[in-house]
Amino acid sequence: MTSPALTPQRTPAKPFYFNTSAHLLRITTQKAGTLADFLDALRKCPKDSIFQHTFRTLQEHHFIREGFSNDFAHWTLSACNEPSLAERLASVDVREFTAVAELRERFVQIVAGFLQENAAAGLRPAEDTFYFCASDIVVMPTSFVASTMQEFAEGLRQVSVHSIHHHFIEARLRLKLMSNDFSQWLHEDVGLTETARELNRIDIYTATLENVRAQMVRIVERALA
């Protein structure tokens, strides 16, 4: 029998405030005109640049649903004409990593391994220069606040997809890539640990942000049933 402390009808320890965010894109000092340059820049660029070209690219991918889900794979295919390397880079699942440093190292290993096998490819000029970018985040509140699970479900239905992205994908950098704001609240303030885990397991690669939202609402509604 479920204990009263874990029932979804109880009042959460604190409300969930739905926020959204805007990104002020900036170009870093790292750029690459060859794959050799690219490998060197991968090792030196800021952590938030790695995050920019992987997690934040996912937001664009959710809207266009074309091409690879990270910028590194896209550039190695379109500018360097190296489809096998592009596929290796695209196969990296960011959800498997618990720190940006580990994610960076995985990309470095892939590119370094490819260049060991294909030394000539490292010096071949790319058709376009890759500029490593990063974003400064401006967080903005929305009008949606959830003091109950019912209000939380309603907030999920009504906020913009940019708010969904902010709390579900952007949050992973703040939380060391292990979770998201929604799951943290459900676990820590509502006591619904399994619901939090189920939410966190939603596939951010194969679904649009609207699909992600719909899955979240279904999971929360099951918890309310």
N, C-alpha and C. Protein backbone atom coordinates (compact mmCIF):
# COMPACT_ATOMS: atom_id res chain seq x y z
N MET A 1 0.85 -1.20 0.00
CA MET A 1 0.00 0.00 0.00
C MET A 1 0.89 1.25 0.00
N THR A 2 0.53 2.22 -0.83
CA THR A 2 1.35 3.42 -0.93
C THR A 2 1.15 4.28 0.31
N SER A 3 2.24 4.75 0.89
CA SER A 3 2.16 5.58 2.08
C SER A 3 1.63 6.95 1.72
N PRO A 4 0.97 7.65 2.65
CA PRO A 4 0.41 8.98 2.36
C PRO A 4 1.45 9.96 1.88
N ALA A 5 2.70 9.81 2.35
CA ALA A 5 3.75 10.77 1.98
C ALA A 5 4.09 10.72 0.51
N LEU A 6 3.73 9.61 -0.17
CA LEU A 6 4.10 9.46 -1.56
C LEU A 6 2.92 9.62 -2.51
N THR A 7 1.76 9.91 -2.00
CA THR A 7 0.61 10.05 -2.88
C THR A 7 0.69 11.36 -3.65
N PRO A 8 0.32 11.34 -4.96
CA PRO A 8 0.44 12.55 -5.76
C PRO A 8 -0.52 13.65 -5.37
N GLN A 9 -1.55 13.33 -4.57
CA GLN A 9 -2.52 14.35 -4.19
C GLN A 9 -2.01 15.26 -3.08
N ARG A 10 -0.94 14.85 -2.39
CA ARG A 10 -0.46 15.67 -1.29
C ARG A 10 0.13 16.98 -1.81
N THR A 11 0.20 17.97 -0.96
CA THR A 11 0.74 19.26 -1.36
C THR A 11 2.25 19.17 -1.50
N PRO A 12 2.82 19.52 -2.66
CA PRO A 12 4.28 19.49 -2.83
C PRO A 12 4.97 20.38 -1.80
N ALA A 13 6.21 20.05 -1.50
CA ALA A 13 6.97 20.82 -0.52
C ALA A 13 7.15 22.27 -0.96
N LYS A 14 7.23 22.48 -2.27
CA LYS A 14 7.31 23.85 -2.80
C LYS A 14 6.75 23.86 -4.22
N PRO A 15 6.28 25.00 -4.70
CA PRO A 15 5.69 25.06 -6.04
C PRO A 15 6.75 24.85 -7.12
N PHE A 16 6.28 24.48 -8.31
CA PHE A 16 7.16 24.45 -9.48
C PHE A 16 6.90 25.70 -10.30
N TYR A 17 7.94 26.47 -10.53
CA TYR A 17 7.84 27.70 -11.31
C TYR A 17 8.32 27.41 -12.74
N PHE A 18 7.43 27.53 -13.69
CA PHE A 18 7.80 27.31 -15.09
C PHE A 18 8.52 28.54 -15.62
N ASN A 19 9.73 28.35 -16.09
CA ASN A 19 10.50 29.42 -16.71
C ASN A 19 10.74 29.10 -18.17
N THR A 20 11.24 30.06 -18.88
CA THR A 20 11.71 29.84 -20.24
C THR A 20 13.05 30.55 -20.37
N SER A 21 13.70 30.45 -21.51
CA SER A 21 15.02 31.08 -21.65
C SER A 21 15.27 31.49 -23.09
N ALA A 22 16.12 32.48 -23.23
CA ALA A 22 16.61 32.93 -24.53
C ALA A 22 18.13 32.80 -24.53
N HIS A 23 18.69 32.60 -25.71
CA HIS A 23 20.13 32.38 -25.82
C HIS A 23 20.79 33.54 -26.58
N LEU A 24 21.84 34.08 -26.01
CA LEU A 24 22.64 35.10 -26.68
C LEU A 24 23.89 34.41 -27.22
N LEU A 25 23.86 34.11 -28.50
CA LEU A 25 24.93 33.32 -29.12
C LEU A 25 26.20 34.15 -29.26
N ARG A 26 27.33 33.53 -28.95
CA ARG A 26 28.62 34.18 -29.15
C ARG A 26 29.60 33.21 -29.77
N ILE A 27 30.52 33.73 -30.57
CA ILE A 27 31.54 32.89 -31.20
C ILE A 27 32.77 32.88 -30.32
N THR A 28 33.31 31.70 -30.06
CA THR A 28 34.51 31.58 -29.23
C THR A 28 35.75 31.82 -30.09
N THR A 29 36.91 31.68 -29.50
CA THR A 29 38.17 31.89 -30.25
C THR A 29 38.57 30.66 -31.05
N GLN A 30 37.87 29.55 -30.87
CA GLN A 30 38.22 28.33 -31.59
C GLN A 30 37.47 28.22 -32.91
N LYS A 31 38.20 27.81 -33.94
CA LYS A 31 37.59 27.53 -35.24
C LYS A 31 38.41 26.45 -35.94
N ALA A 32 37.81 25.86 -36.97
CA ALA A 32 38.50 24.74 -37.64
C ALA A 32 38.28 24.82 -39.15
N GLY A 33 39.39 24.73 -39.87
CA GLY A 33 39.33 24.68 -41.33
C GLY A 33 39.69 23.32 -41.86
N THR A 34 40.20 22.45 -40.97
CA THR A 34 40.52 21.07 -41.31
C THR A 34 40.09 20.19 -40.13
N LEU A 35 40.08 18.89 -40.35
CA LEU A 35 39.75 17.98 -39.26
C LEU A 35 40.82 17.99 -38.18
N ALA A 36 42.08 18.24 -38.56
CA ALA A 36 43.14 18.35 -37.57
C ALA A 36 42.91 19.56 -36.67
N ASP A 37 42.52 20.67 -37.29
CA ASP A 37 42.16 21.87 -36.51
C ASP A 37 40.96 21.58 -35.61
N PHE A 38 40.01 20.84 -36.15
CA PHE A 38 38.79 20.52 -35.42
C PHE A 38 39.09 19.72 -34.15
N LEU A 39 39.98 18.75 -34.27
CA LEU A 39 40.36 17.94 -33.12
C LEU A 39 41.03 18.80 -32.05
N ASP A 40 41.93 19.69 -32.49
CA ASP A 40 42.62 20.57 -31.55
C ASP A 40 41.63 21.50 -30.84
N ALA A 41 40.67 22.04 -31.60
CA ALA A 41 39.68 22.94 -31.03
C ALA A 41 38.74 22.21 -30.08
N LEU A 42 38.39 20.97 -30.41
CA LEU A 42 37.55 20.17 -29.52
C LEU A 42 38.17 20.06 -28.13
N ARG A 43 39.49 19.91 -28.10
CA ARG A 43 40.19 19.75 -26.83
C ARG A 43 40.25 21.05 -26.04
N LYS A 44 40.22 22.20 -26.73
CA LYS A 44 40.45 23.48 -26.07
C LYS A 44 39.21 24.33 -25.84
N CYS A 45 38.15 24.10 -26.57
CA CYS A 45 36.99 24.98 -26.51
C CYS A 45 36.32 24.94 -25.14
N PRO A 46 35.56 25.96 -24.75
CA PRO A 46 34.88 25.98 -23.45
C PRO A 46 33.84 24.85 -23.35
N LYS A 47 33.55 24.48 -22.12
CA LYS A 47 32.55 23.43 -21.90
C LYS A 47 31.20 23.80 -22.50
N ASP A 48 30.81 25.07 -22.36
CA ASP A 48 29.49 25.44 -22.86
C ASP A 48 29.42 25.43 -24.39
N SER A 49 30.59 25.39 -25.05
CA SER A 49 30.59 25.25 -26.49
C SER A 49 30.24 23.80 -26.87
N ILE A 50 30.77 22.85 -26.13
CA ILE A 50 30.40 21.45 -26.35
C ILE A 50 28.89 21.29 -26.14
N PHE A 51 28.37 21.90 -25.08
CA PHE A 51 26.94 21.83 -24.79
C PHE A 51 26.13 22.50 -25.90
N GLN A 52 26.61 23.61 -26.39
CA GLN A 52 25.91 24.35 -27.44
C GLN A 52 25.72 23.49 -28.69
N HIS A 53 26.76 22.81 -29.10
CA HIS A 53 26.73 22.08 -30.37
C HIS A 53 26.14 20.69 -30.25
N THR A 54 25.72 20.32 -29.05
CA THR A 54 25.09 19.01 -28.87
C THR A 54 23.67 19.16 -28.31
N PHE A 55 23.55 19.52 -27.03
CA PHE A 55 22.24 19.65 -26.41
C PHE A 55 21.40 20.75 -27.04
N ARG A 56 22.01 21.92 -27.29
CA ARG A 56 21.20 23.02 -27.82
C ARG A 56 20.85 22.79 -29.29
N THR A 57 21.68 22.06 -30.01
CA THR A 57 21.34 21.71 -31.37
C THR A 57 20.09 20.84 -31.40
N LEU A 58 19.87 20.09 -30.34
CA LEU A 58 18.68 19.25 -30.26
C LEU A 58 17.41 20.07 -30.40
N GLN A 59 17.42 21.29 -29.88
CA GLN A 59 16.23 22.13 -29.98
C GLN A 59 15.89 22.42 -31.44
N GLU A 60 16.90 22.76 -32.24
CA GLU A 60 16.68 23.00 -33.65
C GLU A 60 16.26 21.71 -34.35
N HIS A 61 16.88 20.60 -33.96
CA HIS A 61 16.56 19.31 -34.55
C HIS A 61 15.10 18.95 -34.30
N HIS A 62 14.58 19.31 -33.14
CA HIS A 62 13.19 19.01 -32.82
C HIS A 62 12.23 19.74 -33.76
N PHE A 63 12.67 20.89 -34.29
CA PHE A 63 11.79 21.65 -35.17
C PHE A 63 11.96 21.25 -36.64
N ILE A 64 13.20 21.04 -37.09
CA ILE A 64 13.40 20.76 -38.51
C ILE A 64 13.34 19.27 -38.83
N ARG A 65 13.71 18.43 -37.84
CA ARG A 65 13.65 16.98 -37.98
C ARG A 65 14.42 16.49 -39.20
N GLU A 66 15.52 17.16 -39.55
CA GLU A 66 16.35 16.76 -40.67
C GLU A 66 17.80 16.78 -40.23
N GLY A 67 18.61 15.93 -40.91
CA GLY A 67 20.04 15.93 -40.64
C GLY A 67 20.39 15.31 -39.30
N PHE A 68 21.65 15.47 -38.91
CA PHE A 68 22.14 14.91 -37.67
C PHE A 68 21.73 15.78 -36.48
N SER A 69 21.75 15.18 -35.29
CA SER A 69 21.29 15.90 -34.10
C SER A 69 22.40 16.64 -33.37
N ASN A 70 23.63 16.64 -33.90
CA ASN A 70 24.66 17.52 -33.33
C ASN A 70 25.45 18.19 -34.45
N ASP A 71 25.96 19.38 -34.18
CA ASP A 71 26.62 20.19 -35.19
C ASP A 71 27.93 19.56 -35.68
N PHE A 72 28.60 18.83 -34.81
CA PHE A 72 29.88 18.23 -35.18
C PHE A 72 29.69 17.22 -36.33
N ALA A 73 28.68 16.38 -36.19
CA ALA A 73 28.40 15.38 -37.22
C ALA A 73 27.99 16.07 -38.52
N HIS A 74 27.17 17.10 -38.41
CA HIS A 74 26.69 17.80 -39.60
C HIS A 74 27.85 18.42 -40.37
N TRP A 75 28.79 19.06 -39.66
CA TRP A 75 29.92 19.72 -40.33
C TRP A 75 30.85 18.71 -41.00
N THR A 76 31.14 17.61 -40.32
CA THR A 76 32.07 16.63 -40.90
C THR A 76 31.48 15.99 -42.15
N LEU A 77 30.17 15.96 -42.26
CA LEU A 77 29.54 15.44 -43.47
C LEU A 77 29.46 16.51 -44.55
N SER A 78 28.88 17.67 -44.21
CA SER A 78 28.60 18.69 -45.23
C SER A 78 29.85 19.44 -45.68
N ALA A 79 30.78 19.70 -44.78
CA ALA A 79 31.97 20.50 -45.13
C ALA A 79 33.20 19.66 -45.39
N CYS A 80 33.27 18.48 -44.78
CA CYS A 80 34.46 17.64 -44.92
C CYS A 80 34.22 16.40 -45.78
N ASN A 81 32.96 16.11 -46.07
CA ASN A 81 32.59 14.96 -46.88
C ASN A 81 33.16 13.65 -46.30
N GLU A 82 32.98 13.50 -45.00
CA GLU A 82 33.43 12.28 -44.32
C GLU A 82 32.23 11.61 -43.65
N PRO A 83 31.43 10.88 -44.43
CA PRO A 83 30.20 10.30 -43.88
C PRO A 83 30.42 9.30 -42.75
N SER A 84 31.51 8.53 -42.82
CA SER A 84 31.74 7.54 -41.77
C SER A 84 32.05 8.22 -40.43
N LEU A 85 32.83 9.30 -40.47
CA LEU A 85 33.11 10.05 -39.25
C LEU A 85 31.83 10.72 -38.75
N ALA A 86 31.06 11.28 -39.67
CA ALA A 86 29.81 11.93 -39.28
C ALA A 86 28.89 10.95 -38.57
N GLU A 87 28.80 9.74 -39.06
CA GLU A 87 27.92 8.74 -38.44
C GLU A 87 28.41 8.38 -37.04
N ARG A 88 29.73 8.30 -36.87
CA ARG A 88 30.28 7.99 -35.55
C ARG A 88 29.96 9.11 -34.56
N LEU A 89 30.12 10.35 -35.01
CA LEU A 89 29.81 11.50 -34.14
C LEU A 89 28.32 11.58 -33.82
N ALA A 90 27.51 11.27 -34.82
CA ALA A 90 26.06 11.33 -34.62
C ALA A 90 25.56 10.23 -33.70
N SER A 91 26.31 9.15 -33.58
CA SER A 91 25.88 8.02 -32.76
C SER A 91 26.05 8.28 -31.26
N VAL A 92 26.75 9.35 -30.90
CA VAL A 92 26.96 9.67 -29.49
C VAL A 92 25.64 10.08 -28.85
N ASP A 93 25.23 9.36 -27.82
CA ASP A 93 23.99 9.65 -27.10
C ASP A 93 24.35 10.47 -25.86
N VAL A 94 24.00 11.75 -25.88
CA VAL A 94 24.40 12.64 -24.79
C VAL A 94 23.83 12.21 -23.44
N ARG A 95 22.75 11.43 -23.45
CA ARG A 95 22.13 11.01 -22.19
C ARG A 95 22.98 10.02 -21.41
N GLU A 96 24.00 9.46 -22.07
CA GLU A 96 24.85 8.47 -21.41
C GLU A 96 25.93 9.12 -20.55
N PHE A 97 26.06 10.43 -20.61
CA PHE A 97 27.17 11.11 -19.95
C PHE A 97 26.69 11.92 -18.76
N THR A 98 27.53 11.95 -17.73
CA THR A 98 27.17 12.66 -16.49
C THR A 98 27.95 13.95 -16.31
N ALA A 99 28.78 14.31 -17.29
CA ALA A 99 29.52 15.58 -17.23
C ALA A 99 29.91 15.98 -18.64
N VAL A 100 30.00 17.27 -18.88
CA VAL A 100 30.38 17.77 -20.19
C VAL A 100 31.80 17.32 -20.54
N ALA A 101 32.68 17.24 -19.54
CA ALA A 101 34.06 16.80 -19.79
C ALA A 101 34.09 15.39 -20.39
N GLU A 102 33.23 14.53 -19.89
CA GLU A 102 33.16 13.16 -20.42
C GLU A 102 32.62 13.15 -21.85
N LEU A 103 31.63 14.01 -22.09
CA LEU A 103 31.07 14.11 -23.44
C LEU A 103 32.11 14.62 -24.42
N ARG A 104 32.87 15.64 -24.00
CA ARG A 104 33.95 16.16 -24.85
C ARG A 104 34.96 15.06 -25.18
N GLU A 105 35.36 14.31 -24.17
CA GLU A 105 36.37 13.28 -24.36
C GLU A 105 35.91 12.22 -25.35
N ARG A 106 34.61 11.92 -25.34
CA ARG A 106 34.08 10.93 -26.29
C ARG A 106 34.22 11.43 -27.72
N PHE A 107 33.90 12.69 -27.95
CA PHE A 107 34.05 13.26 -29.30
C PHE A 107 35.53 13.30 -29.70
N VAL A 108 36.38 13.66 -28.76
CA VAL A 108 37.83 13.68 -29.05
C VAL A 108 38.31 12.29 -29.45
N GLN A 109 37.90 11.29 -28.72
CA GLN A 109 38.31 9.91 -29.03
C GLN A 109 37.87 9.50 -30.43
N ILE A 110 36.65 9.86 -30.79
CA ILE A 110 36.14 9.49 -32.11
C ILE A 110 36.94 10.15 -33.22
N VAL A 111 37.17 11.45 -33.10
CA VAL A 111 37.89 12.18 -34.15
C VAL A 111 39.35 11.73 -34.20
N ALA A 112 39.98 11.58 -33.05
CA ALA A 112 41.38 11.14 -33.01
C ALA A 112 41.52 9.75 -33.61
N GLY A 113 40.59 8.86 -33.29
CA GLY A 113 40.64 7.51 -33.84
C GLY A 113 40.47 7.52 -35.35
N PHE A 114 39.58 8.36 -35.84
CA PHE A 114 39.37 8.45 -37.28
C PHE A 114 40.62 8.97 -37.99
N LEU A 115 41.27 9.97 -37.41
CA LEU A 115 42.46 10.55 -38.05
C LEU A 115 43.66 9.60 -37.98
N GLN A 116 43.70 8.75 -36.99
CA GLN A 116 44.74 7.73 -36.96
C GLN A 116 44.58 6.75 -38.12
N GLU A 117 43.34 6.47 -38.47
CA GLU A 117 43.06 5.55 -39.57
C GLU A 117 43.13 6.24 -40.92
N ASN A 118 42.91 7.57 -40.94
CA ASN A 118 42.84 8.33 -42.19
C ASN A 118 43.65 9.61 -42.05
N ALA A 119 44.97 9.49 -41.98
CA ALA A 119 45.84 10.63 -41.70
C ALA A 119 45.68 11.76 -42.72
N ALA A 120 45.51 11.41 -44.00
CA ALA A 120 45.41 12.44 -45.04
C ALA A 120 44.18 13.31 -44.87
N ALA A 121 43.14 12.74 -44.31
CA ALA A 121 41.88 13.48 -44.14
C ALA A 121 42.05 14.65 -43.17
N GLY A 122 43.01 14.56 -42.28
CA GLY A 122 43.18 15.59 -41.27
C GLY A 122 43.64 16.92 -41.82
N LEU A 123 44.35 16.91 -42.95
CA LEU A 123 44.89 18.14 -43.52
C LEU A 123 44.10 18.65 -44.70
N ARG A 124 43.09 17.93 -45.13
CA ARG A 124 42.29 18.34 -46.27
C ARG A 124 41.40 19.52 -45.89
N PRO A 125 41.47 20.64 -46.61
CA PRO A 125 40.66 21.82 -46.25
C PRO A 125 39.16 21.53 -46.34
N ALA A 126 38.43 21.99 -45.35
CA ALA A 126 36.98 21.84 -45.37
C ALA A 126 36.37 22.90 -46.28
N GLU A 127 35.19 22.63 -46.78
CA GLU A 127 34.52 23.59 -47.66
C GLU A 127 34.08 24.83 -46.89
N ASP A 128 33.77 24.64 -45.61
CA ASP A 128 33.38 25.76 -44.76
C ASP A 128 34.08 25.64 -43.41
N THR A 129 34.43 26.77 -42.83
CA THR A 129 35.07 26.79 -41.51
C THR A 129 34.03 26.50 -40.43
N PHE A 130 34.44 25.70 -39.44
CA PHE A 130 33.56 25.45 -38.29
C PHE A 130 33.94 26.43 -37.19
N TYR A 131 32.98 27.24 -36.77
CA TYR A 131 33.20 28.19 -35.69
C TYR A 131 32.55 27.64 -34.42
N PHE A 132 33.34 27.47 -33.38
CA PHE A 132 32.82 26.98 -32.12
C PHE A 132 32.09 28.12 -31.41
N CYS A 133 30.83 27.89 -31.11
CA CYS A 133 29.99 28.90 -30.48
C CYS A 133 29.58 28.47 -29.08
N ALA A 134 29.07 29.40 -28.34
CA ALA A 134 28.50 29.13 -27.02
C ALA A 134 27.37 30.12 -26.81
N SER A 135 26.58 29.90 -25.78
CA SER A 135 25.44 30.78 -25.52
C SER A 135 25.44 31.27 -24.08
N ASP A 136 25.07 32.51 -23.91
CA ASP A 136 24.75 33.03 -22.59
C ASP A 136 23.23 32.96 -22.45
N ILE A 137 22.77 32.35 -21.37
CA ILE A 137 21.35 32.12 -21.18
C ILE A 137 20.70 33.25 -20.40
N VAL A 138 19.58 33.73 -20.91
CA VAL A 138 18.76 34.70 -20.18
C VAL A 138 17.48 33.97 -19.77
N VAL A 139 17.30 33.76 -18.46
CA VAL A 139 16.13 33.03 -17.95
C VAL A 139 15.01 34.01 -17.66
N MET A 140 13.80 33.66 -18.11
CA MET A 140 12.64 34.52 -17.93
C MET A 140 11.48 33.73 -17.32
N PRO A 141 10.77 34.31 -16.38
CA PRO A 141 9.64 33.60 -15.78
C PRO A 141 8.44 33.57 -16.73
N THR A 142 7.59 32.58 -16.55
CA THR A 142 6.31 32.55 -17.25
C THR A 142 5.21 32.79 -16.22
N SER A 143 3.99 32.78 -16.66
CA SER A 143 2.87 33.00 -15.75
C SER A 143 2.39 31.71 -15.09
N PHE A 144 3.06 30.61 -15.38
CA PHE A 144 2.59 29.31 -14.89
C PHE A 144 3.36 28.89 -13.63
N VAL A 145 2.62 28.61 -12.58
CA VAL A 145 3.18 28.12 -11.32
C VAL A 145 2.32 26.95 -10.87
N ALA A 146 2.95 25.87 -10.43
CA ALA A 146 2.21 24.67 -10.01
C ALA A 146 2.41 24.43 -8.53
N SER A 147 1.31 24.50 -7.78
CA SER A 147 1.33 24.20 -6.35
C SER A 147 0.74 22.83 -6.07
N THR A 148 0.17 22.21 -7.10
CA THR A 148 -0.38 20.85 -6.99
C THR A 148 0.02 20.08 -8.23
N MET A 149 -0.14 18.77 -8.19
CA MET A 149 0.15 17.96 -9.36
C MET A 149 -0.80 18.29 -10.51
N GLN A 150 -2.04 18.60 -10.19
CA GLN A 150 -2.99 18.96 -11.23
C GLN A 150 -2.54 20.23 -11.96
N GLU A 151 -2.06 21.21 -11.19
CA GLU A 151 -1.56 22.45 -11.80
C GLU A 151 -0.27 22.18 -12.59
N PHE A 152 0.52 21.24 -12.13
CA PHE A 152 1.75 20.88 -12.85
C PHE A 152 1.39 20.29 -14.21
N ALA A 153 0.42 19.38 -14.24
CA ALA A 153 -0.01 18.78 -15.50
C ALA A 153 -0.55 19.84 -16.44
N GLU A 154 -1.32 20.78 -15.91
CA GLU A 154 -1.88 21.85 -16.73
C GLU A 154 -0.78 22.77 -17.26
N GLY A 155 0.22 23.03 -16.42
CA GLY A 155 1.35 23.84 -16.87
C GLY A 155 2.09 23.18 -18.02
N LEU A 156 2.30 21.87 -17.92
CA LEU A 156 2.96 21.14 -19.00
C LEU A 156 2.19 21.25 -20.31
N ARG A 157 0.87 21.25 -20.20
CA ARG A 157 0.05 21.34 -21.42
C ARG A 157 0.14 22.72 -22.07
N GLN A 158 0.30 23.77 -21.27
CA GLN A 158 0.12 25.12 -21.79
C GLN A 158 1.40 25.91 -22.05
N VAL A 159 2.50 25.60 -21.37
CA VAL A 159 3.72 26.39 -21.59
C VAL A 159 4.25 26.19 -23.01
N SER A 160 5.09 27.09 -23.45
CA SER A 160 5.68 26.97 -24.79
C SER A 160 6.69 25.83 -24.82
N VAL A 161 7.00 25.37 -26.03
CA VAL A 161 8.01 24.32 -26.15
C VAL A 161 9.38 24.83 -25.71
N HIS A 162 9.57 26.15 -25.73
CA HIS A 162 10.84 26.72 -25.28
C HIS A 162 10.99 26.51 -23.77
N SER A 163 9.89 26.58 -23.05
CA SER A 163 9.92 26.29 -21.62
C SER A 163 10.20 24.81 -21.37
N ILE A 164 9.59 23.95 -22.18
CA ILE A 164 9.86 22.50 -22.08
C ILE A 164 11.35 22.24 -22.30
N HIS A 165 11.90 22.87 -23.33
CA HIS A 165 13.33 22.69 -23.63
C HIS A 165 14.19 23.19 -22.49
N HIS A 166 13.83 24.35 -21.93
CA HIS A 166 14.61 24.93 -20.83
C HIS A 166 14.68 23.99 -19.64
N HIS A 167 13.55 23.45 -19.24
CA HIS A 167 13.50 22.63 -18.03
C HIS A 167 13.93 21.18 -18.27
N PHE A 168 13.73 20.70 -19.49
CA PHE A 168 13.98 19.28 -19.74
C PHE A 168 15.34 19.01 -20.35
N ILE A 169 15.85 19.93 -21.15
CA ILE A 169 17.14 19.71 -21.82
C ILE A 169 18.22 20.64 -21.30
N GLU A 170 17.94 21.94 -21.27
CA GLU A 170 18.92 22.90 -20.76
C GLU A 170 19.34 22.56 -19.33
N ALA A 171 18.39 22.11 -18.54
CA ALA A 171 18.66 21.85 -17.12
C ALA A 171 19.73 20.80 -16.91
N ARG A 172 19.95 19.97 -17.89
CA ARG A 172 20.92 18.88 -17.71
C ARG A 172 22.34 19.40 -17.48
N LEU A 173 22.65 20.58 -18.00
CA LEU A 173 23.97 21.14 -17.74
C LEU A 173 24.10 21.54 -16.28
N ARG A 174 23.03 22.17 -15.74
CA ARG A 174 23.05 22.56 -14.33
C ARG A 174 23.06 21.35 -13.42
N LEU A 175 22.40 20.29 -13.85
CA LEU A 175 22.26 19.09 -13.01
C LEU A 175 23.26 18.01 -13.39
N LYS A 176 24.34 18.40 -14.05
CA LYS A 176 25.40 17.47 -14.45
C LYS A 176 24.90 16.40 -15.42
N LEU A 177 23.93 16.75 -16.26
CA LEU A 177 23.41 15.90 -17.32
C LEU A 177 22.66 14.67 -16.83
N MET A 178 22.43 14.56 -15.53
CA MET A 178 21.84 13.34 -14.99
C MET A 178 20.32 13.39 -14.92
N SER A 179 19.74 14.58 -14.92
CA SER A 179 18.31 14.68 -14.73
C SER A 179 17.79 15.94 -15.38
N ASN A 180 16.60 16.37 -14.97
CA ASN A 180 15.98 17.57 -15.50
C ASN A 180 15.16 18.22 -14.39
N ASP A 181 14.74 19.45 -14.59
CA ASP A 181 14.03 20.19 -13.55
C ASP A 181 12.71 19.51 -13.14
N PHE A 182 11.98 18.99 -14.13
CA PHE A 182 10.71 18.35 -13.83
C PHE A 182 10.90 17.13 -12.92
N SER A 183 11.86 16.29 -13.28
CA SER A 183 12.11 15.08 -12.50
C SER A 183 12.64 15.41 -11.11
N GLN A 184 13.49 16.43 -11.03
CA GLN A 184 14.01 16.84 -9.73
C GLN A 184 12.87 17.26 -8.79
N TRP A 185 11.93 18.03 -9.32
CA TRP A 185 10.80 18.49 -8.50
C TRP A 185 9.91 17.32 -8.09
N LEU A 186 9.61 16.44 -9.02
CA LEU A 186 8.75 15.29 -8.72
C LEU A 186 9.39 14.40 -7.66
N HIS A 187 10.70 14.24 -7.73
CA HIS A 187 11.41 13.38 -6.78
C HIS A 187 11.57 14.06 -5.43
N GLU A 188 12.09 15.29 -5.42
CA GLU A 188 12.45 15.94 -4.16
C GLU A 188 11.27 16.59 -3.45
N ASP A 189 10.33 17.16 -4.20
CA ASP A 189 9.27 17.96 -3.58
C ASP A 189 7.90 17.30 -3.58
N VAL A 190 7.73 16.27 -4.42
CA VAL A 190 6.44 15.58 -4.45
C VAL A 190 6.56 14.15 -3.93
N GLY A 191 7.76 13.58 -4.00
CA GLY A 191 7.95 12.22 -3.51
C GLY A 191 7.60 11.15 -4.52
N LEU A 192 7.47 11.53 -5.80
CA LEU A 192 7.13 10.57 -6.85
C LEU A 192 8.40 10.18 -7.62
N THR A 193 9.21 9.36 -6.98
CA THR A 193 10.51 9.02 -7.55
C THR A 193 10.38 8.23 -8.85
N GLU A 194 9.48 7.26 -8.91
CA GLU A 194 9.34 6.46 -10.12
C GLU A 194 8.78 7.30 -11.27
N THR A 195 7.85 8.19 -10.96
CA THR A 195 7.34 9.10 -12.00
C THR A 195 8.47 9.98 -12.51
N ALA A 196 9.32 10.45 -11.61
CA ALA A 196 10.47 11.27 -12.00
C ALA A 196 11.41 10.49 -12.91
N ARG A 197 11.65 9.23 -12.59
CA ARG A 197 12.53 8.41 -13.43
C ARG A 197 11.93 8.16 -14.80
N GLU A 198 10.62 7.91 -14.82
CA GLU A 198 9.95 7.66 -16.09
C GLU A 198 10.01 8.88 -16.99
N LEU A 199 9.83 10.04 -16.41
CA LEU A 199 9.92 11.28 -17.17
C LEU A 199 11.33 11.46 -17.73
N ASN A 200 12.32 11.17 -16.92
CA ASN A 200 13.71 11.36 -17.33
C ASN A 200 14.13 10.40 -18.44
N ARG A 201 13.39 9.30 -18.59
CA ARG A 201 13.74 8.31 -19.62
C ARG A 201 13.15 8.63 -20.98
N ILE A 202 12.39 9.69 -21.11
CA ILE A 202 11.82 10.06 -22.41
C ILE A 202 12.94 10.30 -23.41
N ASP A 203 12.79 9.73 -24.60
CA ASP A 203 13.83 9.83 -25.63
C ASP A 203 13.80 11.21 -26.29
N ILE A 204 14.84 11.99 -26.09
CA ILE A 204 14.90 13.34 -26.64
C ILE A 204 15.39 13.36 -28.09
N TYR A 205 15.74 12.19 -28.63
CA TYR A 205 16.23 12.12 -30.00
C TYR A 205 15.14 11.82 -31.02
N THR A 206 14.26 10.89 -30.67
CA THR A 206 13.31 10.39 -31.66
C THR A 206 11.95 11.08 -31.58
N ALA A 207 11.80 12.06 -30.73
CA ALA A 207 10.51 12.74 -30.58
C ALA A 207 10.68 14.25 -30.75
N THR A 208 9.66 14.90 -31.30
CA THR A 208 9.65 16.35 -31.33
C THR A 208 9.38 16.86 -29.92
N LEU A 209 9.59 18.15 -29.69
CA LEU A 209 9.32 18.70 -28.37
C LEU A 209 7.83 18.60 -28.03
N GLU A 210 6.96 18.68 -29.03
CA GLU A 210 5.54 18.50 -28.76
C GLU A 210 5.25 17.05 -28.36
N ASN A 211 5.94 16.11 -28.97
CA ASN A 211 5.79 14.71 -28.57
C ASN A 211 6.32 14.49 -27.17
N VAL A 212 7.44 15.15 -26.85
CA VAL A 212 8.00 15.06 -25.50
C VAL A 212 6.99 15.58 -24.49
N ARG A 213 6.38 16.72 -24.80
CA ARG A 213 5.36 17.29 -23.93
C ARG A 213 4.21 16.29 -23.72
N ALA A 214 3.73 15.71 -24.81
CA ALA A 214 2.60 14.78 -24.73
C ALA A 214 2.95 13.57 -23.86
N GLN A 215 4.17 13.07 -23.99
CA GLN A 215 4.59 11.94 -23.16
C GLN A 215 4.63 12.34 -21.69
N MET A 216 5.13 13.53 -21.41
CA MET A 216 5.18 14.01 -20.03
C MET A 216 3.79 14.08 -19.42
N VAL A 217 2.86 14.64 -20.17
CA VAL A 217 1.48 14.78 -19.66
C VAL A 217 0.89 13.41 -19.37
N ARG A 218 1.12 12.45 -20.25
CA ARG A 218 0.58 11.09 -20.02
C ARG A 218 1.18 10.48 -18.76
N ILE A 219 2.48 10.66 -18.55
CA ILE A 219 3.13 10.10 -17.36
C ILE A 219 2.58 10.73 -16.10
N VAL A 220 2.42 12.05 -16.11
CA VAL A 220 1.90 12.75 -14.93
C VAL A 220 0.45 12.37 -14.68
N GLU A 221 -0.32 12.24 -15.75
CA GLU A 221 -1.74 11.85 -15.58
C GLU A 221 -1.87 10.45 -14.98
N ARG A 222 -0.95 9.56 -15.34
CA ARG A 222 -0.97 8.21 -14.74
C ARG A 222 -0.70 8.30 -13.26
N ALA A 223 0.20 9.21 -12.86
CA ALA A 223 0.50 9.38 -11.44
C ALA A 223 -0.69 9.94 -10.68
N LEU A 224 -1.51 10.69 -11.38
CA LEU A 224 -2.70 11.28 -10.75
C LEU A 224 -3.89 10.32 -10.68
N ALA A 225 -3.84 9.28 -11.50
CA ALA A 225 -4.99 8.36 -11.59
C ALA A 225 -5.19 7.60 -10.29
